[in-house]
Amino acid sequence: MPIPIHDPHQTPGTLKRLPLRKAAALFIVAVCLCLSGLLYLQLEQTRRQDLANAQIASTNLTRAMAQQAEDTFLAADLVLTSLADWVEDDGYGAAQRPRLQKTFARRVQQLEQLHGMFLFDREGQWVITSFPDLPRGKGVADREYFKFHQQNVSTVAHIGPAIRSRENGEWVIPISKRINDRAGNFQGVLMAGIKMAYFDRFFKSFSLDDSGIMFLGLKDGTLLARRPFDEGLIGSSLAQGRIYQKLLPEAPAGTAMIKSVVDGVVRLYGYRQLAAYPLVVASASSRDTILKGWYERAFQSSVIVALVILGVGLFGWVFIHQVRDGERIEKNLRKAQRTLEQIATHDSLTGLANRRLFEQSLEIEFARGARQSSPVGLIMLDIDFFKRYNDAYGHVAGDHCLTQVAQVLKNCCQRKADLAVRYGGEEFAVLLPDTDINGTLAIAGQIRRSVMEKYITHSGSPTGYLTVSLGCYSFVPSGNDSLEAFIQCADAALYQAKNAGRNRAAVLSLEAGVAELMRSDR
């Protein structure tokens, strides 16, 4: 029952020391995670802000495109309406044609977006144009806009797919109106050709990245104009694209991030459908261009945070290693302290408790016995004729003999509270808490028999083998008892056993006032 000598007043239940190395590692990991989390939140916020700004810019751009397209076609529509009314009222006979031709040419000069103006009869042949000479050829009966007016009585302006002018081969977007006679019968078509180059110049006035696109299309998805210009795409259908399939049916204007099926580039598209005409405008900037500045800021911030995390990690690595070294030193100190405690409280030869620990334990058990009214037993024992044994076999053999007896005492002390002590020389003691005299005597007999069963040869003993004599005593402490008197009682019983012939256990009976000698033959 070892008692620590460094803090005899230490109470059980003291909080365990915090595992500093583990706590430091968790703290460093938590700091690094917090820094990474804050970086992520900051970058995500700025990314969303950049995208939101790009959406606003895209919305403004498509609004400007829609306004420009509407103004362009509205101006042409107004000219067509006034001329259509004139033609329907006055006709386009030979007398009116020179004046109409000059008027057509003047209107084209006034509107920079116009390629030319043309009047066709009911067969699709040229009647009047804004050009000085009439074109030669089969006419325009095969054109989409001419067929449309043949089949529709509406006098509303019609915008058709882009075509190449048969006048000079230039790409134009036709806007046309039906001409009726006074009875409402079809008499021909009045058409104004809007230059595609006009929209190309307008599109180029906006700043777009190399991967950006802009386009003007009909409501049915037919492509009219595009930036960058690609002649092979003019007239192609965009009807199966996401803008026409999903976005326009839900809202006439908006923005969306779309991956192109043509080149795989992800772009932010802004789109808007015109209210006055069946037209759709859209512009798109690549996501990489929109986020170019964000990528640069993200790289710089990531490098800074990475350096901070690296610094924290290096500091933590050094700190943890220092803590580990400190723990190793502390462990060695504790080991040394336990060794010192063992040296201070135990006999170096036998490993049994020494007299210092014995006296401390006696104080503790006396106090406990007084509180609980429980007996405390003590056995004092001595090796019989040990001087003769040393003389006969030498001190080395004598030390070995002491060690064997000590082992017997350890084996017989079955309870954790029992304490075997080397009292001095060849004398030993066994402290038995909560043990009455009968229990004390029983253990003494067990010790005596166990020593005999070792069959340690002893030529100086009458039995020829090593034996021990034991003195037993037990009482219930009252709280004011003398430790010395308690030991003397057991010691007196030991001398009674020796005087009675050795190799026996004796009990001191205080009630009888004499030492009662008992031989344990059990």
Protein backbone atom coordinates (compact mmCIF):
# COMPACT_ATOMS: atom_id res chain seq x y z
CA MET A 1 0.00 0.00 0.00
CA PRO A 2 2.46 2.69 -1.27
CA ILE A 3 1.90 6.27 -0.19
CA PRO A 4 3.28 9.10 -2.41
CA ILE A 5 5.84 11.19 -0.58
CA HIS A 6 5.56 14.27 -2.84
CA ASP A 7 2.02 15.23 -1.85
CA PRO A 8 0.70 13.40 1.20
CA HIS A 9 -2.37 15.65 1.36
CA GLN A 10 -3.47 15.02 -2.25
CA THR A 11 -7.16 14.19 -2.36
CA PRO A 12 -8.77 11.71 -4.76
CA GLY A 13 -10.91 13.03 -7.56
CA THR A 14 -8.41 15.68 -8.74
CA LEU A 15 -9.07 16.67 -12.34
CA LYS A 16 -6.83 14.99 -14.87
CA ARG A 17 -4.34 17.15 -16.63
CA LEU A 18 -5.49 18.42 -19.98
CA PRO A 19 -3.72 16.55 -22.85
CA LEU A 20 -1.90 19.63 -24.07
CA ARG A 21 -0.42 18.12 -27.20
CA LYS A 22 -3.79 16.87 -28.41
CA ALA A 23 -5.46 20.17 -27.51
CA ALA A 24 -2.74 22.12 -29.36
CA ALA A 25 -3.14 19.96 -32.46
CA LEU A 26 -6.93 20.39 -32.40
CA PHE A 27 -6.53 24.15 -31.92
CA ILE A 28 -4.15 24.45 -34.86
CA VAL A 29 -6.45 22.37 -37.06
CA ALA A 30 -9.42 24.51 -35.96
CA VAL A 31 -7.51 27.72 -36.78
CA CYS A 32 -6.56 26.41 -40.22
CA LEU A 33 -10.13 25.29 -40.90
CA CYS A 34 -11.48 28.67 -39.78
CA LEU A 35 -9.06 30.50 -42.05
CA SER A 36 -9.98 28.24 -44.95
CA GLY A 37 -13.68 28.67 -44.20
CA LEU A 38 -13.40 32.44 -44.02
CA LEU A 39 -11.45 32.46 -47.28
CA TYR A 40 -14.11 30.32 -48.93
CA LEU A 41 -16.94 32.53 -47.67
CA GLN A 42 -15.16 35.71 -48.77
CA LEU A 43 -14.33 34.30 -52.21
CA GLU A 44 -17.84 32.92 -52.67
CA GLN A 45 -19.34 36.28 -51.72
CA THR A 46 -17.13 38.21 -54.15
CA ARG A 47 -17.78 35.62 -56.89
CA ARG A 48 -21.53 36.03 -56.48
CA GLN A 49 -21.09 39.80 -56.45
CA ASP A 50 -19.11 39.71 -59.70
CA LEU A 51 -21.74 37.49 -61.31
CA ALA A 52 -24.52 39.74 -60.04
CA ASN A 53 -22.75 42.79 -61.52
CA ALA A 54 -22.32 40.90 -64.80
CA GLN A 55 -26.03 40.05 -64.81
CA ILE A 56 -26.89 43.71 -64.34
CA ALA A 57 -24.52 44.69 -67.14
CA SER A 58 -25.94 41.98 -69.39
CA THR A 59 -29.50 43.11 -68.67
CA ASN A 60 -28.59 46.71 -69.53
CA LEU A 61 -26.82 45.62 -72.69
CA THR A 62 -29.77 43.58 -73.98
CA ARG A 63 -32.10 46.45 -73.12
CA ALA A 64 -29.94 48.77 -75.25
CA MET A 65 -29.83 46.20 -78.06
CA ALA A 66 -33.60 45.77 -77.93
CA GLN A 67 -34.14 49.53 -77.98
CA GLN A 68 -31.78 49.97 -80.93
CA ALA A 69 -33.39 47.11 -82.88
CA GLU A 70 -36.87 48.45 -82.18
CA ASP A 71 -35.89 51.98 -83.24
CA THR A 72 -34.25 50.62 -86.39
CA PHE A 73 -37.26 48.62 -87.53
CA LEU A 74 -39.73 51.25 -86.33
CA ALA A 75 -38.13 53.91 -88.52
CA ALA A 76 -38.28 51.60 -91.52
CA ASP A 77 -41.84 50.61 -90.63
CA LEU A 78 -42.98 54.23 -90.51
CA VAL A 79 -41.45 54.90 -93.92
CA LEU A 80 -43.10 51.79 -95.36
CA THR A 81 -46.47 52.74 -93.90
CA SER A 82 -46.45 56.24 -95.38
CA LEU A 83 -45.30 54.96 -98.79
CA ALA A 84 -47.80 52.07 -98.75
CA ASP A 85 -50.64 54.52 -98.13
CA TRP A 86 -49.37 56.70 -100.99
CA VAL A 87 -49.13 53.77 -103.40
CA GLU A 88 -52.55 52.42 -102.44
CA ASP A 89 -54.13 55.86 -102.92
CA ASP A 90 -52.36 57.00 -106.10
CA GLY A 91 -51.22 53.72 -107.57
CA TYR A 92 -47.84 53.09 -109.19
CA GLY A 93 -48.54 53.76 -112.81
CA ALA A 94 -46.05 55.19 -115.26
CA ALA A 95 -46.88 58.77 -114.26
CA GLN A 96 -46.20 58.14 -110.56
CA ARG A 97 -43.07 56.01 -110.91
CA PRO A 98 -40.46 58.80 -111.35
CA ARG A 99 -41.71 60.62 -108.30
CA LEU A 100 -41.91 57.40 -106.27
CA GLN A 101 -38.37 56.44 -107.29
CA LYS A 102 -37.02 59.77 -106.06
CA THR A 103 -38.96 59.45 -102.84
CA PHE A 104 -37.61 55.90 -102.31
CA ALA A 105 -34.04 57.09 -102.89
CA ARG A 106 -34.50 60.07 -100.57
CA ARG A 107 -35.85 57.87 -97.77
CA VAL A 108 -32.91 55.48 -98.11
CA GLN A 109 -30.49 58.40 -97.88
CA GLN A 110 -32.23 59.65 -94.75
CA LEU A 111 -32.03 56.31 -92.91
CA GLU A 112 -28.51 54.91 -92.69
CA GLN A 113 -29.77 51.43 -91.80
CA LEU A 114 -31.58 51.03 -95.12
CA HIS A 115 -29.96 49.16 -97.97
CA GLY A 116 -32.79 50.03 -100.36
CA MET A 117 -36.52 50.19 -100.88
CA PHE A 118 -38.41 48.08 -103.42
CA LEU A 119 -41.94 47.84 -104.79
CA PHE A 120 -43.03 44.58 -106.43
CA ASP A 121 -46.22 43.90 -108.35
CA ARG A 122 -48.53 40.98 -107.75
CA GLU A 123 -46.25 38.71 -109.82
CA GLY A 124 -43.17 39.59 -107.81
CA GLN A 125 -41.54 41.72 -110.49
CA TRP A 126 -39.69 44.92 -109.72
CA VAL A 127 -41.77 48.02 -110.25
CA ILE A 128 -39.84 50.74 -108.42
CA THR A 129 -36.59 50.69 -106.40
CA SER A 130 -34.46 53.26 -104.64
CA PHE A 131 -31.71 52.44 -107.13
CA PRO A 132 -31.57 54.30 -110.47
CA ASP A 133 -31.99 51.15 -112.58
CA LEU A 134 -34.37 48.27 -112.11
CA PRO A 135 -32.70 44.88 -111.62
CA ARG A 136 -33.08 42.22 -114.25
CA GLY A 137 -34.13 38.73 -113.38
CA LYS A 138 -36.98 36.46 -112.44
CA GLY A 139 -38.24 38.73 -109.64
CA VAL A 140 -38.93 37.86 -105.97
CA ALA A 141 -41.94 35.60 -106.17
CA ASP A 142 -39.86 32.89 -104.48
CA ARG A 143 -38.92 35.05 -101.46
CA GLU A 144 -40.40 34.22 -98.06
CA TYR A 145 -41.73 37.72 -97.44
CA PHE A 146 -43.49 37.85 -100.83
CA LYS A 147 -45.21 34.50 -100.24
CA PHE A 148 -46.20 35.65 -96.75
CA HIS A 149 -48.03 38.70 -98.06
CA GLN A 150 -49.65 36.72 -100.85
CA GLN A 151 -51.15 34.40 -98.25
CA ASN A 152 -51.93 36.91 -95.46
CA VAL A 153 -54.26 39.86 -95.76
CA SER A 154 -52.70 41.62 -92.76
CA THR A 155 -51.17 44.98 -93.50
CA VAL A 156 -48.88 44.81 -90.48
CA ALA A 157 -45.19 45.02 -91.29
CA HIS A 158 -43.52 41.64 -91.69
CA ILE A 159 -39.89 40.89 -90.84
CA GLY A 160 -38.49 37.94 -92.72
CA PRO A 161 -35.29 35.87 -92.62
CA ALA A 162 -32.09 37.54 -93.81
CA ILE A 163 -31.44 37.37 -97.54
CA ARG A 164 -28.82 38.39 -100.06
CA SER A 165 -29.92 41.33 -102.14
CA ARG A 166 -30.33 40.50 -105.80
CA GLU A 167 -29.34 44.08 -106.48
CA ASN A 168 -25.74 43.86 -105.21
CA GLY A 169 -25.44 40.65 -103.13
CA GLU A 170 -25.39 42.45 -99.77
CA TRP A 171 -26.93 40.72 -96.74
CA VAL A 172 -30.15 42.45 -95.71
CA ILE A 173 -33.03 41.88 -93.33
CA PRO A 174 -36.32 42.49 -95.14
CA ILE A 175 -39.21 44.37 -93.55
CA SER A 176 -42.21 44.52 -95.84
CA LYS A 177 -45.87 45.48 -96.15
CA ARG A 178 -48.68 44.21 -98.34
CA ILE A 179 -50.11 46.56 -101.02
CA ASN A 180 -53.81 46.25 -101.74
CA ASP A 181 -56.06 47.87 -104.28
CA ARG A 182 -59.15 49.82 -103.23
CA ALA A 183 -61.13 46.58 -103.09
CA GLY A 184 -58.59 44.99 -100.74
CA ASN A 185 -57.09 42.64 -103.33
CA PHE A 186 -53.40 41.86 -103.36
CA GLN A 187 -51.51 44.22 -105.64
CA GLY A 188 -47.91 43.73 -104.58
CA VAL A 189 -45.32 44.13 -101.83
CA LEU A 190 -43.40 47.14 -100.58
CA MET A 191 -40.10 46.07 -98.99
CA ALA A 192 -37.26 47.90 -97.22
CA GLY A 193 -33.95 46.08 -96.81
CA ILE A 194 -32.09 46.77 -93.59
CA LYS A 195 -28.36 46.34 -93.85
CA MET A 196 -26.94 43.51 -91.78
CA ALA A 197 -23.72 45.51 -91.69
CA TYR A 198 -25.62 48.18 -89.74
CA PHE A 199 -26.25 45.71 -86.90
CA ASP A 200 -22.71 44.43 -87.19
CA ARG A 201 -21.37 47.95 -86.59
CA PHE A 202 -23.80 48.41 -83.73
CA PHE A 203 -22.75 45.13 -82.11
CA LYS A 204 -19.09 46.07 -82.45
CA SER A 205 -19.68 49.29 -80.53
CA PHE A 206 -19.99 47.20 -77.35
CA SER A 207 -17.01 45.77 -75.50
CA LEU A 208 -17.12 41.99 -75.47
CA ASP A 209 -14.45 39.39 -74.77
CA ASP A 210 -13.10 37.15 -77.51
CA SER A 211 -15.53 34.41 -76.48
CA GLY A 212 -18.54 36.75 -76.22
CA ILE A 213 -21.43 36.71 -78.69
CA MET A 214 -24.43 38.88 -79.62
CA PHE A 215 -27.30 38.01 -81.91
CA LEU A 216 -30.60 39.20 -83.31
CA GLY A 217 -33.19 36.58 -84.17
CA LEU A 218 -36.79 36.15 -85.07
CA LYS A 219 -39.29 34.93 -82.51
CA ASP A 220 -39.35 31.53 -84.22
CA GLY A 221 -35.59 31.15 -83.66
CA THR A 222 -34.31 32.14 -87.12
CA LEU A 223 -30.93 33.89 -86.79
CA LEU A 224 -30.83 37.31 -88.47
CA ALA A 225 -27.54 38.87 -87.34
CA ARG A 226 -24.67 37.77 -85.16
CA ARG A 227 -21.41 38.88 -83.64
CA PRO A 228 -18.94 37.52 -84.50
CA PHE A 229 -20.33 37.36 -88.03
CA ASP A 230 -20.49 33.89 -89.52
CA GLU A 231 -22.19 33.72 -92.90
CA GLY A 232 -22.76 30.00 -92.51
CA LEU A 233 -24.94 30.56 -89.45
CA ILE A 234 -27.19 33.27 -90.93
CA GLY A 235 -30.69 31.85 -91.35
CA SER A 236 -30.01 28.86 -89.09
CA SER A 237 -32.50 28.01 -86.37
CA LEU A 238 -31.93 28.63 -82.66
CA ALA A 239 -35.32 27.24 -81.74
CA GLN A 240 -33.88 24.19 -79.97
CA GLY A 241 -31.59 26.28 -77.76
CA ARG A 242 -32.28 26.78 -74.08
CA ILE A 243 -33.25 30.44 -74.52
CA TYR A 244 -36.07 29.60 -76.92
CA GLN A 245 -37.03 26.27 -75.36
CA LYS A 246 -37.09 27.13 -71.65
CA LEU A 247 -36.33 30.76 -70.87
CA LEU A 248 -38.52 32.78 -73.23
CA PRO A 249 -41.70 30.80 -72.42
CA GLU A 250 -41.16 31.67 -68.75
CA ALA A 251 -40.12 35.34 -69.07
CA PRO A 252 -39.65 37.78 -71.99
CA ALA A 253 -36.32 38.94 -70.54
CA GLY A 254 -33.69 37.63 -68.17
CA THR A 255 -30.22 36.16 -67.73
CA ALA A 256 -28.89 32.62 -67.48
CA MET A 257 -25.57 30.77 -67.34
CA ILE A 258 -25.54 28.38 -70.30
CA LYS A 259 -22.93 25.99 -71.65
CA SER A 260 -22.69 26.26 -75.40
CA VAL A 261 -23.41 23.07 -77.34
CA VAL A 262 -21.25 24.42 -80.17
CA ASP A 263 -17.92 25.20 -78.47
CA GLY A 264 -18.52 24.05 -74.87
CA VAL A 265 -17.87 27.54 -73.47
CA VAL A 266 -19.94 28.52 -70.43
CA ARG A 267 -21.43 31.98 -70.95
CA LEU A 268 -23.73 34.33 -69.09
CA TYR A 269 -26.55 35.10 -71.51
CA GLY A 270 -28.85 38.12 -71.33
CA TYR A 271 -31.91 37.93 -73.56
CA ARG A 272 -34.94 40.12 -74.34
CA GLN A 273 -37.94 39.78 -76.61
CA LEU A 274 -39.11 42.98 -78.31
CA ALA A 275 -42.64 44.08 -77.51
CA ALA A 276 -43.39 45.78 -80.84
CA TYR A 277 -41.83 43.25 -83.24
CA PRO A 278 -41.33 39.46 -83.27
CA LEU A 279 -37.63 39.78 -82.54
CA VAL A 280 -35.30 38.52 -79.85
CA VAL A 281 -31.91 39.99 -78.94
CA ALA A 282 -29.28 38.33 -76.76
CA SER A 283 -25.72 38.91 -75.64
CA ALA A 284 -23.33 36.63 -73.80
CA SER A 285 -19.97 36.96 -72.06
CA SER A 286 -17.89 33.96 -71.08
CA ARG A 287 -17.87 33.05 -67.42
CA ASP A 288 -14.07 32.98 -67.39
CA THR A 289 -13.91 36.58 -68.60
CA ILE A 290 -16.51 37.71 -66.07
CA LEU A 291 -14.57 36.04 -63.27
CA LYS A 292 -11.08 36.91 -64.52
CA GLY A 293 -10.57 39.55 -61.84
CA TRP A 294 -12.09 37.24 -59.26
CA TYR A 295 -9.68 34.47 -60.23
CA GLU A 296 -6.75 36.84 -59.71
CA ARG A 297 -8.04 37.99 -56.32
CA ALA A 298 -8.81 34.40 -55.34
CA PHE A 299 -5.26 33.35 -56.22
CA GLN A 300 -3.73 36.20 -54.25
CA SER A 301 -5.99 35.59 -51.22
CA SER A 302 -5.36 31.85 -51.37
CA VAL A 303 -1.60 32.38 -51.44
CA ILE A 304 -1.77 34.70 -48.44
CA VAL A 305 -3.99 32.34 -46.46
CA ALA A 306 -1.82 29.39 -47.47
CA LEU A 307 1.25 31.21 -46.17
CA VAL A 308 -0.57 32.02 -42.92
CA ILE A 309 -1.68 28.39 -42.57
CA LEU A 310 1.86 27.27 -43.32
CA GLY A 311 3.18 29.63 -40.63
CA VAL A 312 0.58 28.41 -38.14
CA GLY A 313 1.39 24.83 -39.07
CA LEU A 314 5.13 25.33 -38.60
CA PHE A 315 4.56 27.10 -35.30
CA GLY A 316 2.22 24.31 -34.22
CA TRP A 317 4.72 21.66 -35.30
CA VAL A 318 7.45 23.31 -33.19
CA PHE A 319 5.06 23.84 -30.29
CA ILE A 320 3.79 20.26 -30.36
CA HIS A 321 7.34 18.92 -30.49
CA GLN A 322 8.26 21.08 -27.51
CA VAL A 323 5.19 19.84 -25.67
CA ARG A 324 6.12 16.27 -26.55
CA ASP A 325 9.65 16.82 -25.28
CA GLY A 326 8.20 18.37 -22.12
CA GLU A 327 5.87 15.40 -21.68
CA ARG A 328 8.78 13.00 -22.15
CA ILE A 329 10.81 14.89 -19.56
CA GLU A 330 7.83 14.96 -17.23
CA LYS A 331 7.31 11.24 -17.76
CA ASN A 332 10.95 10.60 -16.88
CA LEU A 333 10.60 12.80 -13.81
CA ARG A 334 7.51 10.88 -12.73
CA LYS A 335 9.34 7.63 -13.26
CA ALA A 336 12.26 8.93 -11.23
CA GLN A 337 9.81 10.16 -8.60
CA ARG A 338 8.15 6.75 -8.41
CA THR A 339 11.59 5.22 -8.10
CA LEU A 340 12.43 7.60 -5.28
CA GLU A 341 9.11 6.81 -3.62
CA GLN A 342 9.85 3.12 -3.96
CA ILE A 343 13.29 3.63 -2.45
CA ALA A 344 11.88 5.78 0.34
CA THR A 345 9.06 3.42 1.25
CA HIS A 346 10.30 -0.08 0.33
CA ASP A 347 13.18 -2.34 1.20
CA SER A 348 15.61 -2.63 -1.68
CA LEU A 349 16.47 -6.29 -1.03
CA THR A 350 13.06 -7.87 -0.51
CA GLY A 351 10.78 -5.33 -2.17
CA LEU A 352 8.60 -5.22 0.95
CA ALA A 353 7.48 -2.00 2.62
CA ASN A 354 10.00 -0.49 5.04
CA ARG A 355 9.42 0.85 8.55
CA ARG A 356 8.63 4.37 7.28
CA LEU A 357 5.73 3.18 5.13
CA PHE A 358 4.70 0.79 7.90
CA GLU A 359 4.35 3.62 10.43
CA GLN A 360 2.42 5.80 7.96
CA SER A 361 0.08 2.92 7.18
CA LEU A 362 -0.45 2.25 10.89
CA GLU A 363 -1.62 5.84 11.40
CA ILE A 364 -4.07 5.54 8.52
CA GLU A 365 -5.48 2.18 9.63
CA PHE A 366 -5.78 3.31 13.27
CA ALA A 367 -7.82 6.32 12.13
CA ARG A 368 -9.99 4.16 9.87
CA GLY A 369 -10.46 1.49 12.55
CA ALA A 370 -11.51 4.15 15.06
CA ARG A 371 -14.06 5.62 12.62
CA GLN A 372 -15.50 2.25 11.58
CA SER A 373 -14.97 0.35 14.90
CA SER A 374 -13.09 -2.33 13.01
CA PRO A 375 -10.10 -4.32 14.40
CA VAL A 376 -6.52 -3.97 13.23
CA GLY A 377 -4.27 -7.05 13.30
CA LEU A 378 -0.49 -7.23 13.38
CA ILE A 379 1.95 -10.12 12.97
CA MET A 380 5.59 -9.76 13.97
CA LEU A 381 7.81 -12.63 12.80
CA ASP A 382 11.46 -13.53 13.02
CA ILE A 383 13.55 -16.14 11.19
CA ASP A 384 14.70 -18.75 13.68
CA PHE A 385 18.47 -19.03 14.19
CA PHE A 386 19.20 -16.68 11.29
CA LYS A 387 22.68 -15.78 12.61
CA ARG A 388 23.63 -19.44 12.44
CA TYR A 389 22.29 -19.53 8.86
CA ASN A 390 24.49 -16.60 7.83
CA ASP A 391 27.50 -18.14 9.55
CA ALA A 392 26.94 -21.45 7.86
CA TYR A 393 26.02 -20.38 4.35
CA GLY A 394 27.28 -16.80 4.00
CA HIS A 395 25.62 -13.47 3.64
CA VAL A 396 24.69 -13.95 -0.02
CA ALA A 397 22.73 -17.05 0.86
CA GLY A 398 21.31 -15.16 3.81
CA ASP A 399 20.04 -12.39 1.51
CA HIS A 400 18.49 -15.04 -0.73
CA CYS A 401 16.83 -16.58 2.30
CA LEU A 402 15.34 -13.21 3.27
CA THR A 403 14.02 -12.79 -0.26
CA GLN A 404 12.28 -16.19 -0.16
CA VAL A 405 10.61 -15.39 3.17
CA ALA A 406 9.52 -12.01 1.78
CA GLN A 407 7.92 -13.79 -1.18
CA VAL A 408 5.96 -16.00 1.21
CA LEU A 409 4.64 -12.91 3.00
CA LYS A 410 3.58 -11.35 -0.32
CA ASN A 411 1.72 -14.51 -1.31
CA CYS A 412 -0.10 -14.71 2.00
CA CYS A 413 -1.25 -11.06 1.85
CA GLN A 414 -4.25 -11.67 -0.39
CA ARG A 415 -6.08 -8.40 0.22
CA LYS A 416 -5.04 -5.09 -1.27
CA ALA A 417 -5.04 -3.40 2.15
CA ASP A 418 -2.69 -6.01 3.71
CA LEU A 419 0.87 -4.77 4.06
CA ALA A 420 4.02 -6.95 4.36
CA VAL A 421 6.99 -5.14 5.96
CA ARG A 422 10.65 -5.83 6.47
CA TYR A 423 10.95 -4.45 9.96
CA GLY A 424 14.69 -4.83 10.29
CA GLY A 425 17.35 -7.50 9.77
CA GLU A 426 15.60 -10.89 9.76
CA GLU A 427 12.47 -9.47 11.42
CA PHE A 428 9.26 -8.92 9.43
CA ALA A 429 5.77 -7.58 10.10
CA VAL A 430 2.36 -8.01 8.48
CA LEU A 431 -0.32 -5.33 8.97
CA LEU A 432 -3.86 -6.70 8.59
CA PRO A 433 -6.61 -4.03 8.57
CA ASP A 434 -10.16 -5.14 9.51
CA THR A 435 -8.85 -8.45 10.94
CA ASP A 436 -9.61 -9.81 14.41
CA ILE A 437 -7.28 -12.01 16.45
CA ASN A 438 -8.61 -15.23 14.96
CA GLY A 439 -8.02 -14.01 11.41
CA THR A 440 -4.59 -12.71 12.39
CA LEU A 441 -3.64 -16.07 13.90
CA ALA A 442 -4.94 -17.93 10.85
CA ILE A 443 -2.75 -15.90 8.50
CA ALA A 444 0.23 -16.34 10.85
CA GLY A 445 -0.25 -20.09 10.67
CA GLN A 446 -0.43 -19.94 6.91
CA ILE A 447 2.85 -18.00 6.80
CA ARG A 448 4.58 -20.44 9.12
CA ARG A 449 3.51 -23.46 7.07
CA SER A 450 4.42 -21.78 3.77
CA VAL A 451 7.95 -21.11 5.02
CA MET A 452 8.35 -24.72 6.12
CA GLU A 453 7.06 -25.94 2.75
CA LYS A 454 9.92 -24.11 1.07
CA TYR A 455 12.22 -26.72 2.62
CA ILE A 456 15.11 -24.34 2.90
CA THR A 457 17.99 -26.31 4.39
CA HIS A 458 19.24 -24.94 7.71
CA SER A 459 21.86 -27.02 9.45
CA GLY A 460 21.74 -24.77 12.49
CA SER A 461 18.04 -25.44 13.15
CA PRO A 462 16.79 -28.39 15.23
CA THR A 463 14.37 -29.27 12.38
CA GLY A 464 17.07 -29.12 9.71
CA TYR A 465 14.99 -26.59 7.77
CA LEU A 466 14.33 -22.90 7.96
CA THR A 467 11.45 -21.91 10.26
CA VAL A 468 9.92 -18.70 11.60
CA SER A 469 8.39 -17.57 14.88
CA LEU A 470 5.36 -15.27 14.87
CA GLY A 471 3.64 -12.99 17.36
CA CYS A 472 0.01 -11.96 16.80
CA TYR A 473 -2.04 -9.15 18.20
CA SER A 474 -5.35 -7.46 17.24
CA PHE A 475 -7.55 -4.78 18.78
CA VAL A 476 -10.15 -2.13 17.87
CA PRO A 477 -8.56 1.36 17.95
CA SER A 478 -10.25 4.02 20.03
CA GLY A 479 -8.61 7.06 18.46
CA ASN A 480 -6.03 7.78 21.18
CA ASP A 481 -3.93 4.63 20.87
CA SER A 482 -0.15 4.42 20.84
CA LEU A 483 1.52 2.97 17.77
CA GLU A 484 4.53 1.91 19.83
CA ALA A 485 2.35 0.07 22.33
CA PHE A 486 0.56 -1.75 19.51
CA ILE A 487 3.87 -2.88 18.00
CA GLN A 488 5.23 -3.85 21.44
CA CYS A 489 2.21 -6.08 22.06
CA ALA A 490 2.82 -8.02 18.87
CA ASP A 491 6.55 -8.04 19.58
CA ALA A 492 5.89 -9.40 23.06
CA ALA A 493 3.83 -12.21 21.53
CA LEU A 494 6.78 -12.91 19.21
CA TYR A 495 9.17 -13.29 22.15
CA GLN A 496 6.68 -15.58 23.83
CA ALA A 497 6.77 -17.76 20.70
CA LYS A 498 10.58 -17.81 20.74
CA ASN A 499 10.74 -18.60 24.42
CA ALA A 500 8.29 -21.41 23.87
CA GLY A 501 10.63 -23.14 21.41
CA ARG A 502 10.31 -21.23 18.12
CA ASN A 503 8.57 -22.39 14.93
CA ARG A 504 5.19 -21.34 16.24
CA ALA A 505 2.67 -18.47 16.38
CA ALA A 506 1.76 -16.85 19.69
CA VAL A 507 -1.18 -14.59 20.63
CA LEU A 508 -0.98 -11.96 23.36
CA SER A 509 -4.17 -12.06 25.40
CA LEU A 510 -4.63 -8.75 27.27
CA GLU A 511 -7.83 -9.93 28.97
CA ALA A 512 -6.04 -12.73 30.72
CA GLY A 513 -3.12 -10.47 31.46
CA VAL A 514 -0.68 -13.19 30.37
CA ALA A 515 0.70 -14.37 27.05
CA GLU A 516 -1.16 -17.37 25.82
CA LEU A 517 1.03 -19.65 23.82
CA MET A 518 -0.57 -21.43 20.95
CA ARG A 519 0.90 -23.74 18.46
CA SER A 520 -0.67 -23.71 15.01
CA ASP A 521 -0.86 -27.26 13.72
CA ARG A 522 -3.60 -26.59 11.23
